[in-house]
Amino acid sequence: MPDILIENDCESIGGQKEMTITFVKPRVKQKIKSIVVKEFQGIDHLPDSINSL
């Protein structure tokens, strides 16, 4: 199980209902830090330090 899940917002294929985090069980989801980025935006704007996420 990941501590952090970074994924795009799946805007072009249906949005949130297509995101991985949507299908994670609620009790597991509360243990995962979910970071959603805009589609095609990439991750360059995220901090370099994992502790800053």
C-alpha atoms as a PDB file:
ATOM      1  CA  MET A   1       0.000   0.000   0.000  1.00  0.00           C
ATOM      2  CA  PRO A   2       1.422   3.404  -0.908  1.00  0.00           C
ATOM      3  CA  ASP A   3       1.831   6.199   1.610  1.00  0.00           C
ATOM      4  CA  ILE A   4       1.295   8.760  -1.147  1.00  0.00           C
ATOM      5  CA  LEU A   5      -0.648   8.441  -4.400  1.00  0.00           C
ATOM      6  CA  ILE A   6      -0.076  11.075  -7.071  1.00  0.00           C
ATOM      7  CA  GLU A   7      -2.394  10.912 -10.060  1.00  0.00           C
ATOM      8  CA  ASN A   8      -3.918  13.197 -12.644  1.00  0.00           C
ATOM      9  CA  ASP A   9      -7.540  14.292 -12.455  1.00  0.00           C
ATOM     10  CA  CYS A  10      -8.558  12.175 -15.499  1.00  0.00           C
ATOM     11  CA  GLU A  11     -10.498  15.134 -16.888  1.00  0.00           C
ATOM     12  CA  SER A  12     -10.508  13.859 -20.482  1.00  0.00           C
ATOM     13  CA  ILE A  13     -11.821  10.389 -19.585  1.00  0.00           C
ATOM     14  CA  GLY A  14     -14.493  11.195 -17.051  1.00  0.00           C
ATOM     15  CA  GLY A  15     -12.901  12.901 -14.084  1.00  0.00           C
ATOM     16  CA  GLN A  16     -12.966  11.653 -10.506  1.00  0.00           C
ATOM     17  CA  LYS A  17     -14.917   8.475 -11.267  1.00  0.00           C
ATOM     18  CA  GLU A  18     -11.911   7.278 -13.312  1.00  0.00           C
ATOM     19  CA  MET A  19      -9.260   8.059 -10.700  1.00  0.00           C
ATOM     20  CA  THR A  20      -7.569   5.227  -8.821  1.00  0.00           C
ATOM     21  CA  ILE A  21      -8.206   6.718  -5.376  1.00  0.00           C
ATOM     22  CA  THR A  22     -11.952   6.558  -6.032  1.00  0.00           C
ATOM     23  CA  PHE A  23     -11.846   2.760  -5.876  1.00  0.00           C
ATOM     24  CA  VAL A  24      -9.783   2.428  -2.695  1.00  0.00           C
ATOM     25  CA  LYS A  25     -11.707   1.169   0.328  1.00  0.00           C
ATOM     26  CA  PRO A  26     -12.491   4.003   2.785  1.00  0.00           C
ATOM     27  CA  ARG A  27     -10.538   2.439   5.678  1.00  0.00           C
ATOM     28  CA  VAL A  28      -7.475   2.121   3.447  1.00  0.00           C
ATOM     29  CA  LYS A  29      -7.979   5.521   1.793  1.00  0.00           C
ATOM     30  CA  GLN A  30      -7.584   7.321   5.117  1.00  0.00           C
ATOM     31  CA  LYS A  31      -4.021   5.974   5.321  1.00  0.00           C
ATOM     32  CA  ILE A  32      -3.024   7.285   1.878  1.00  0.00           C
ATOM     33  CA  LYS A  33      -2.097  10.883   1.091  1.00  0.00           C
ATOM     34  CA  SER A  34      -3.824  11.548  -2.243  1.00  0.00           C
ATOM     35  CA  ILE A  35      -2.399  14.284  -4.451  1.00  0.00           C
ATOM     36  CA  VAL A  36      -4.329  15.154  -7.585  1.00  0.00           C
ATOM     37  CA  VAL A  37      -2.709  17.135 -10.374  1.00  0.00           C
ATOM     38  CA  LYS A  38      -4.415  18.665 -13.380  1.00  0.00           C
ATOM     39  CA  GLU A  39      -4.278  16.544 -16.492  1.00  0.00           C
ATOM     40  CA  PHE A  40      -1.182  17.271 -18.604  1.00  0.00           C
ATOM     41  CA  GLN A  41       0.190  19.569 -15.866  1.00  0.00           C
ATOM     42  CA  GLY A  42       2.829  17.102 -14.753  1.00  0.00           C
ATOM     43  CA  ILE A  43       4.534  16.929 -11.396  1.00  0.00           C
ATOM     44  CA  ASP A  44       7.178  19.632 -11.804  1.00  0.00           C
ATOM     45  CA  HIS A  45       5.249  21.978  -9.495  1.00  0.00           C
ATOM     46  CA  LEU A  46       5.321  19.511  -6.585  1.00  0.00           C
ATOM     47  CA  PRO A  47       7.938  20.018  -3.857  1.00  0.00           C
ATOM     48  CA  ASP A  48      11.202  18.103  -4.139  1.00  0.00           C
ATOM     49  CA  SER A  49      10.978  16.946  -0.536  1.00  0.00           C
ATOM     50  CA  ILE A  50       8.596  14.092   0.168  1.00  0.00           C
ATOM     51  CA  ASN A  51       8.032  15.552   3.635  1.00  0.00           C
ATOM     52  CA  SER A  52       6.622  18.702   2.013  1.00  0.00           C
ATOM     53  CA  LEU A  53       3.858  16.813   0.256  1.00  0.00           C
END
